[in-house]
């Protein structure tokens, strides 16, 4: 009888690495045209959203170095 490396509470867990099934799983079902089109549409929507966020967010992150910032009339302290 072989000695186990560590105690295992259930016998089938210890023998699971040696078990081989002779039952083959069923073949995968092919995706329909609607499912493929939906995946493409979702991917394009995500890419377009990221591109739009990048395009719209870039001007907000850029700093203007040409002219100094003007102060408003309220901040001059009358």
PDB file of N, CA and C in Angstrom:
ATOM      1  N   UNK A   1       0.839  -1.177   0.000  1.00  0.00           N
ATOM      2  CA  UNK A   1       0.000   0.000   0.000  1.00  0.00           C
ATOM      3  C   UNK A   1       0.887   1.244   0.000  1.00  0.00           C
ATOM      4  N   UNK A   2       0.527   2.210  -0.820  1.00  0.00           N
ATOM      5  CA  UNK A   2       1.357   3.403  -0.942  1.00  0.00           C
ATOM      6  C   UNK A   2       1.029   4.395   0.166  1.00  0.00           C
ATOM      7  N   UNK A   3       1.999   5.213   0.477  1.00  0.00           N
ATOM      8  CA  UNK A   3       1.833   6.208   1.532  1.00  0.00           C
ATOM      9  C   UNK A   3       1.520   7.556   0.897  1.00  0.00           C
ATOM     10  N   UNK A   4       0.476   8.215   1.393  1.00  0.00           N
ATOM     11  CA  UNK A   4       0.102   9.524   0.873  1.00  0.00           C
ATOM     12  C   UNK A   4       1.038  10.591   1.409  1.00  0.00           C
ATOM     13  N   UNK A   5       1.230  11.628   0.621  1.00  0.00           N
ATOM     14  CA  UNK A   5       2.092  12.731   1.027  1.00  0.00           C
ATOM     15  C   UNK A   5       1.463  13.561   2.135  1.00  0.00           C
ATOM     16  N   UNK A   6       0.139  13.742   2.073  1.00  0.00           N
ATOM     17  CA  UNK A   6      -0.561  14.520   3.098  1.00  0.00           C
ATOM     18  C   UNK A   6      -1.921  13.886   3.315  1.00  0.00           C
ATOM     19  N   UNK A   7      -2.485  14.062   4.490  1.00  0.00           N
ATOM     20  CA  UNK A   7      -3.797  13.448   4.732  1.00  0.00           C
ATOM     21  C   UNK A   7      -4.887  14.115   3.891  1.00  0.00           C
ATOM     22  N   UNK A   8      -5.728  13.285   3.319  1.00  0.00           N
ATOM     23  CA  UNK A   8      -6.822  13.767   2.474  1.00  0.00           C
ATOM     24  C   UNK A   8      -8.121  13.264   3.087  1.00  0.00           C
ATOM     25  N   UNK A   9      -9.102  14.154   3.274  1.00  0.00           N
ATOM     26  CA  UNK A   9     -10.322  13.726   3.951  1.00  0.00           C
ATOM     27  C   UNK A   9     -11.174  12.741   3.148  1.00  0.00           C
ATOM     28  N   UNK A  10     -11.101  12.790   1.825  1.00  0.00           N
ATOM     29  CA  UNK A  10     -11.915  11.885   1.020  1.00  0.00           C
ATOM     30  C   UNK A  10     -11.015  11.092   0.095  1.00  0.00           C
ATOM     31  N   UNK A  11     -11.325   9.846  -0.075  1.00  0.00           N
ATOM     32  CA  UNK A  11     -10.471   8.974  -0.883  1.00  0.00           C
ATOM     33  C   UNK A  11     -10.506   9.365  -2.353  1.00  0.00           C
ATOM     34  N   UNK A  12     -11.653   9.799  -2.855  1.00  0.00           N
ATOM     35  CA  UNK A  12     -11.729  10.114  -4.284  1.00  0.00           C
ATOM     36  C   UNK A  12     -10.896  11.333  -4.643  1.00  0.00           C
ATOM     37  N   UNK A  13     -10.614  12.208  -3.686  1.00  0.00           N
ATOM     38  CA  UNK A  13      -9.763  13.357  -3.958  1.00  0.00           C
ATOM     39  C   UNK A  13      -8.328  12.898  -4.169  1.00  0.00           C
ATOM     40  N   UNK A  14      -7.889  11.941  -3.385  1.00  0.00           N
ATOM     41  CA  UNK A  14      -6.528  11.435  -3.509  1.00  0.00           C
ATOM     42  C   UNK A  14      -6.327  10.690  -4.820  1.00  0.00           C
ATOM     43  N   UNK A  15      -7.374  10.054  -5.318  1.00  0.00           N
ATOM     44  CA  UNK A  15      -7.252   9.282  -6.540  1.00  0.00           C
ATOM     45  C   UNK A  15      -7.668  10.066  -7.775  1.00  0.00           C
ATOM     46  N   UNK A  16      -8.007  11.322  -7.624  1.00  0.00           N
ATOM     47  CA  UNK A  16      -8.505  12.113  -8.744  1.00  0.00           C
ATOM     48  C   UNK A  16      -7.440  12.345  -9.802  1.00  0.00           C
ATOM     49  N   UNK A  17      -6.171  12.426  -9.416  1.00  0.00           N
ATOM     50  CA  UNK A  17      -5.130  12.671 -10.415  1.00  0.00           C
ATOM     51  C   UNK A  17      -4.872  11.445 -11.278  1.00  0.00           C
ATOM     52  N   UNK A  18      -5.276  10.267 -10.829  1.00  0.00           N
ATOM     53  CA  UNK A  18      -5.073   9.049 -11.607  1.00  0.00           C
ATOM     54  C   UNK A  18      -6.295   8.665 -12.425  1.00  0.00           C
ATOM     55  N   UNK A  19      -7.424   9.330 -12.201  1.00  0.00           N
ATOM     56  CA  UNK A  19      -8.663   8.951 -12.880  1.00  0.00           C
ATOM     57  C   UNK A  19      -8.684   9.483 -14.298  1.00  0.00           C
ATOM     58  N   UNK A  20      -9.028   8.633 -15.242  1.00  0.00           N
ATOM     59  CA  UNK A  20      -9.167   9.027 -16.636  1.00  0.00           C
ATOM     60  C   UNK A  20     -10.542   8.577 -17.111  1.00  0.00           C
ATOM     61  N   UNK A  21     -11.267   9.495 -17.695  1.00  0.00           N
ATOM     62  CA  UNK A  21     -12.603   9.179 -18.159  1.00  0.00           C
ATOM     63  C   UNK A  21     -12.558   8.693 -19.599  1.00  0.00           C
ATOM     64  N   UNK A  22     -13.422   7.745 -19.923  1.00  0.00           N
ATOM     65  CA  UNK A  22     -13.525   7.277 -21.295  1.00  0.00           C
ATOM     66  C   UNK A  22     -14.729   7.900 -22.000  1.00  0.00           C
ATOM     67  N   UNK A  23     -15.349   8.884 -21.380  1.00  0.00           N
ATOM     68  CA  UNK A  23     -16.506   9.554 -21.955  1.00  0.00           C
ATOM     69  C   UNK A  23     -16.036  10.865 -22.573  1.00  0.00           C
ATOM     70  N   UNK A  24     -16.303  11.045 -23.851  1.00  0.00           N
ATOM     71  CA  UNK A  24     -15.910  12.282 -24.509  1.00  0.00           C
ATOM     72  C   UNK A  24     -17.029  13.308 -24.366  1.00  0.00           C
ATOM     73  N   UNK A  25     -16.684  14.566 -24.140  1.00  0.00           N
ATOM     74  CA  UNK A  25     -17.724  15.587 -24.024  1.00  0.00           C
ATOM     75  C   UNK A  25     -18.378  15.834 -25.377  1.00  0.00           C
ATOM     76  N   UNK A  26     -19.594  16.335 -25.364  1.00  0.00           N
ATOM     77  CA  UNK A  26     -20.261  16.605 -26.640  1.00  0.00           C
ATOM     78  C   UNK A  26     -19.555  17.722 -27.390  1.00  0.00           C
ATOM     79  N   UNK A  27     -19.677  17.760 -28.708  1.00  0.00           N
ATOM     80  CA  UNK A  27     -19.011  18.828 -29.479  1.00  0.00           C
ATOM     81  C   UNK A  27     -19.619  20.179 -29.142  1.00  0.00           C
ATOM     82  N   UNK A  28     -18.802  21.210 -29.252  1.00  0.00           N
ATOM     83  CA  UNK A  28     -19.256  22.567 -28.940  1.00  0.00           C
ATOM     84  C   UNK A  28     -20.255  23.042 -29.983  1.00  0.00           C
ATOM     85  N   UNK A  29     -21.262  23.737 -29.496  1.00  0.00           N
ATOM     86  CA  UNK A  29     -22.275  24.285 -30.391  1.00  0.00           C
ATOM     87  C   UNK A  29     -21.712  25.518 -31.073  1.00  0.00           C
ATOM     88  N   UNK A  30     -21.881  25.605 -32.374  1.00  0.00           N
ATOM     89  CA  UNK A  30     -21.382  26.757 -33.125  1.00  0.00           C
ATOM     90  C   UNK A  30     -22.252  27.957 -32.851  1.00  0.00           C
ATOM     91  N   UNK A  31     -21.631  29.116 -32.766  1.00  0.00           N
ATOM     92  CA  UNK A  31     -22.369  30.349 -32.526  1.00  0.00           C
ATOM     93  C   UNK A  31     -23.164  30.718 -33.766  1.00  0.00           C
ATOM     94  N   UNK A  32     -24.362  31.223 -33.534  1.00  0.00           N
ATOM     95  CA  UNK A  32     -25.198  31.627 -34.662  1.00  0.00           C
ATOM     96  C   UNK A  32     -24.712  32.972 -35.203  1.00  0.00           C
ATOM     97  N   UNK A  33     -25.271  33.352 -36.353  1.00  0.00           N
ATOM     98  CA  UNK A  33     -24.882  34.626 -36.962  1.00  0.00           C
ATOM     99  C   UNK A  33     -25.240  35.795 -36.051  1.00  0.00           C
ATOM    100  N   UNK A  34     -26.377  35.716 -35.391  1.00  0.00           N
ATOM    101  CA  UNK A  34     -26.794  36.796 -34.492  1.00  0.00           C
ATOM    102  C   UNK A  34     -25.854  36.953 -33.304  1.00  0.00           C
ATOM    103  N   UNK A  35     -25.378  35.841 -32.764  1.00  0.00           N
ATOM    104  CA  UNK A  35     -24.442  35.906 -31.643  1.00  0.00           C
ATOM    105  C   UNK A  35     -23.112  36.502 -32.071  1.00  0.00           C
ATOM    106  N   UNK A  36     -22.637  36.110 -33.235  1.00  0.00           N
ATOM    107  CA  UNK A  36     -21.369  36.660 -33.736  1.00  0.00           C
ATOM    108  C   UNK A  36     -21.511  38.153 -34.005  1.00  0.00           C
ATOM    109  N   UNK A  37     -22.628  38.532 -34.636  1.00  0.00           N
ATOM    110  CA  UNK A  37     -22.857  39.957 -34.911  1.00  0.00           C
ATOM    111  C   UNK A  37     -22.981  40.752 -33.621  1.00  0.00           C
ATOM    112  N   UNK A  38     -23.608  40.182 -32.616  1.00  0.00           N
ATOM    113  CA  UNK A  38     -23.729  40.862 -31.329  1.00  0.00           C
ATOM    114  C   UNK A  38     -22.393  41.063 -30.647  1.00  0.00           C
ATOM    115  N   UNK A  39     -21.529  40.068 -30.733  1.00  0.00           N
ATOM    116  CA  UNK A  39     -20.189  40.209 -30.142  1.00  0.00           C
ATOM    117  C   UNK A  39     -19.389  41.295 -30.855  1.00  0.00           C
ATOM    118  N   UNK A  40     -19.480  41.318 -32.197  1.00  0.00           N
ATOM    119  CA  UNK A  40     -18.776  42.353 -32.954  1.00  0.00           C
ATOM    120  C   UNK A  40     -19.311  43.736 -32.608  1.00  0.00           C
ATOM    121  N   UNK A  41     -20.632  43.848 -32.493  1.00  0.00           N
ATOM    122  CA  UNK A  41     -21.232  45.139 -32.179  1.00  0.00           C
ATOM    123  C   UNK A  41     -20.826  45.604 -30.783  1.00  0.00           C
ATOM    124  N   UNK A  42     -20.793  44.685 -29.833  1.00  0.00           N
ATOM    125  CA  UNK A  42     -20.362  45.046 -28.480  1.00  0.00           C
ATOM    126  C   UNK A  42     -18.897  45.478 -28.484  1.00  0.00           C
ATOM    127  N   UNK A  43     -18.054  44.765 -29.209  1.00  0.00           N
ATOM    128  CA  UNK A  43     -16.637  45.133 -29.280  1.00  0.00           C
ATOM    129  C   UNK A  43     -16.429  46.484 -29.925  1.00  0.00           C
ATOM    130  N   UNK A  44     -17.140  46.721 -31.024  1.00  0.00           N
ATOM    131  CA  UNK A  44     -17.017  48.022 -31.692  1.00  0.00           C
ATOM    132  C   UNK A  44     -17.524  49.159 -30.813  1.00  0.00           C
ATOM    133  N   UNK A  45     -18.588  48.907 -30.057  1.00  0.00           N
ATOM    134  CA  UNK A  45     -19.111  49.930 -29.150  1.00  0.00           C
ATOM    135  C   UNK A  45     -18.098  50.265 -28.061  1.00  0.00           C
ATOM    136  N   UNK A  46     -17.457  49.248 -27.509  1.00  0.00           N
ATOM    137  CA  UNK A  46     -16.454  49.495 -26.470  1.00  0.00           C
ATOM    138  C   UNK A  46     -15.250  50.252 -27.026  1.00  0.00           C
ATOM    139  N   UNK A  47     -14.783  49.855 -28.203  1.00  0.00           N
ATOM    140  CA  UNK A  47     -13.631  50.534 -28.799  1.00  0.00           C
ATOM    141  C   UNK A  47     -13.988  51.979 -29.148  1.00  0.00           C
ATOM    142  N   UNK A  48     -15.197  52.195 -29.688  1.00  0.00           N
ATOM    143  CA  UNK A  48     -15.616  53.555 -30.026  1.00  0.00           C
ATOM    144  C   UNK A  48     -15.764  54.412 -28.770  1.00  0.00           C
ATOM    145  N   UNK A  49     -16.250  53.837 -27.689  1.00  0.00           N
ATOM    146  CA  UNK A  49     -16.359  54.582 -26.435  1.00  0.00           C
ATOM    147  C   UNK A  49     -15.008  54.970 -25.877  1.00  0.00           C
ATOM    148  N   UNK A  50     -14.057  54.058 -25.929  1.00  0.00           N
ATOM    149  CA  UNK A  50     -12.713  54.380 -25.447  1.00  0.00           C
ATOM    150  C   UNK A  50     -12.049  55.438 -26.322  1.00  0.00           C
ATOM    151  N   UNK A  51     -12.241  55.334 -27.635  1.00  0.00           N
ATOM    152  CA  UNK A  51     -11.661  56.328 -28.541  1.00  0.00           C
ATOM    153  C   UNK A  51     -12.298  57.696 -28.315  1.00  0.00           C
ATOM    154  N   UNK A  52     -13.604  57.732 -28.123  1.00  0.00           N
ATOM    155  CA  UNK A  52     -14.282  59.008 -27.877  1.00  0.00           C
ATOM    156  C   UNK A  52     -13.828  59.616 -26.556  1.00  0.00           C
ATOM    157  N   UNK A  53     -13.663  58.795 -25.535  1.00  0.00           N
ATOM    158  CA  UNK A  53     -13.195  59.308 -24.250  1.00  0.00           C
ATOM    159  C   UNK A  53     -11.783  59.870 -24.377  1.00  0.00           C
ATOM    160  N   UNK A  54     -10.955  59.219 -25.160  1.00  0.00           N
ATOM    161  CA  UNK A  54      -9.596  59.706 -25.365  1.00  0.00           C
ATOM    162  C   UNK A  54      -9.596  61.013 -26.147  1.00  0.00           C
ATOM    163  N   UNK A  55     -10.402  61.071 -27.196  1.00  0.00           N
ATOM    164  CA  UNK A  55     -10.444  62.282 -28.023  1.00  0.00           C
ATOM    165  C   UNK A  55     -11.027  63.460 -27.251  1.00  0.00           C
ATOM    166  N   UNK A  56     -12.103  63.209 -26.495  1.00  0.00           N
ATOM    167  CA  UNK A  56     -12.739  64.298 -25.750  1.00  0.00           C
ATOM    168  C   UNK A  56     -11.963  64.666 -24.489  1.00  0.00           C
ATOM    169  N   UNK A  57     -11.224  63.731 -23.929  1.00  0.00           N
ATOM    170  CA  UNK A  57     -10.502  64.002 -22.694  1.00  0.00           C
ATOM    171  C   UNK A  57      -9.136  64.607 -22.884  1.00  0.00           C
ATOM    172  N   UNK A  58      -8.548  64.444 -24.055  1.00  0.00           N
ATOM    173  CA  UNK A  58      -7.206  64.962 -24.303  1.00  0.00           C
ATOM    174  C   UNK A  58      -7.124  66.486 -24.188  1.00  0.00           C
ATOM    175  N   UNK A  59      -8.043  67.274 -24.757  1.00  0.00           N
ATOM    176  CA  UNK A  59      -7.941  68.725 -24.594  1.00  0.00           C
ATOM    177  C   UNK A  59      -8.087  69.173 -23.136  1.00  0.00           C
ATOM    178  N   UNK A  60      -8.839  68.450 -22.355  1.00  0.00           N
ATOM    179  CA  UNK A  60      -9.013  68.832 -20.956  1.00  0.00           C
ATOM    180  C   UNK A  60      -7.746  68.577 -20.150  1.00  0.00           C
ATOM    181  N   UNK A  61      -6.934  67.643 -20.578  1.00  0.00           N
ATOM    182  CA  UNK A  61      -5.711  67.330 -19.841  1.00  0.00           C
ATOM    183  C   UNK A  61      -4.523  68.163 -20.296  1.00  0.00           C
ATOM    184  N   UNK A  62      -4.619  68.787 -21.451  1.00  0.00           N
ATOM    185  CA  UNK A  62      -3.500  69.559 -21.944  1.00  0.00           C
ATOM    186  C   UNK A  62      -3.427  70.904 -21.220  1.00  0.00           C
ATOM    187  N   UNK A  63      -2.218  71.416 -21.069  1.00  0.00           N
ATOM    188  CA  UNK A  63      -2.010  72.714 -20.415  1.00  0.00           C
ATOM    189  C   UNK A  63      -1.665  73.747 -21.472  1.00  0.00           C
ATOM    190  N   UNK A  64      -2.181  74.949 -21.277  1.00  0.00           N
ATOM    191  CA  UNK A  64      -1.871  76.023 -22.212  1.00  0.00           C
ATOM    192  C   UNK A  64      -0.627  76.744 -21.711  1.00  0.00           C
ATOM    193  N   UNK A  65       0.378  76.832 -22.549  1.00  0.00           N
ATOM    194  CA  UNK A  65       1.620  77.477 -22.132  1.00  0.00           C
ATOM    195  C   UNK A  65       1.842  78.815 -22.849  1.00  0.00           C
ATOM    196  N   UNK A  66       0.937  79.192 -23.764  1.00  0.00           N
ATOM    197  CA  UNK A  66       1.129  80.397 -24.559  1.00  0.00           C
ATOM    198  C   UNK A  66       0.805  81.677 -23.799  1.00  0.00           C
ATOM    199  N   UNK A  67      -0.341  81.757 -23.148  1.00  0.00           N
ATOM    200  CA  UNK A  67      -0.758  82.996 -22.474  1.00  0.00           C
ATOM    201  C   UNK A  67      -0.978  82.725 -21.003  1.00  0.00           C
ATOM    202  N   UNK A  68      -0.686  83.688 -20.145  1.00  0.00           N
ATOM    203  CA  UNK A  68      -0.959  83.487 -18.715  1.00  0.00           C
ATOM    204  C   UNK A  68      -2.466  83.517 -18.465  1.00  0.00           C
ATOM    205  N   UNK A  69      -2.884  82.867 -17.405  1.00  0.00           N
ATOM    206  CA  UNK A  69      -4.305  82.809 -17.077  1.00  0.00           C
ATOM    207  C   UNK A  69      -4.785  84.188 -16.629  1.00  0.00           C
ATOM    208  N   UNK A  70      -5.952  84.584 -17.146  1.00  0.00           N
ATOM    209  CA  UNK A  70      -6.512  85.884 -16.768  1.00  0.00           C
ATOM    210  C   UNK A  70      -7.356  85.725 -15.517  1.00  0.00           C
ATOM    211  N   UNK A  71      -7.329  86.728 -14.684  1.00  0.00           N
ATOM    212  CA  UNK A  71      -8.154  86.697 -13.475  1.00  0.00           C
ATOM    213  C   UNK A  71      -9.476  87.364 -13.740  1.00  0.00           C
ATOM    214  N   UNK A  72     -10.496  86.869 -13.080  1.00  0.00           N
ATOM    215  CA  UNK A  72     -11.813  87.469 -13.256  1.00  0.00           C
ATOM    216  C   UNK A  72     -11.915  88.729 -12.386  1.00  0.00           C
ATOM    217  N   UNK A  73     -12.937  89.514 -12.629  1.00  0.00           N
ATOM    218  CA  UNK A  73     -13.146  90.760 -11.878  1.00  0.00           C
ATOM    219  C   UNK A  73     -13.435  90.471 -10.416  1.00  0.00           C
ATOM    220  N   UNK A  74     -14.101  89.360 -10.107  1.00  0.00           N
ATOM    221  CA  UNK A  74     -14.473  89.058  -8.719  1.00  0.00           C
ATOM    222  C   UNK A  74     -13.240  88.707  -7.888  1.00  0.00           C
ATOM    223  N   UNK A  75     -12.211  88.163  -8.506  1.00  0.00           N
ATOM    224  CA  UNK A  75     -11.063  87.727  -7.733  1.00  0.00           C
ATOM    225  C   UNK A  75     -10.052  88.858  -7.464  1.00  0.00           C
ATOM    226  N   UNK A  76     -10.288  90.058  -8.027  1.00  0.00           N
ATOM    227  CA  UNK A  76      -9.334  91.149  -7.809  1.00  0.00           C
ATOM    228  C   UNK A  76      -9.575  91.842  -6.484  1.00  0.00           C
ATOM    229  N   UNK A  77     -10.656  91.593  -5.827  1.00  0.00           N
ATOM    230  CA  UNK A  77     -10.909  92.134  -4.479  1.00  0.00           C
ATOM    231  C   UNK A  77     -11.166  93.623  -4.437  1.00  0.00           C
ATOM    232  N   UNK A  78     -12.335  94.060  -4.805  1.00  0.00           N
ATOM    233  CA  UNK A  78     -12.660  95.486  -4.803  1.00  0.00           C
ATOM    234  C   UNK A  78     -12.797  96.009  -3.421  1.00  0.00           C
TER     235      UNK A  78
END
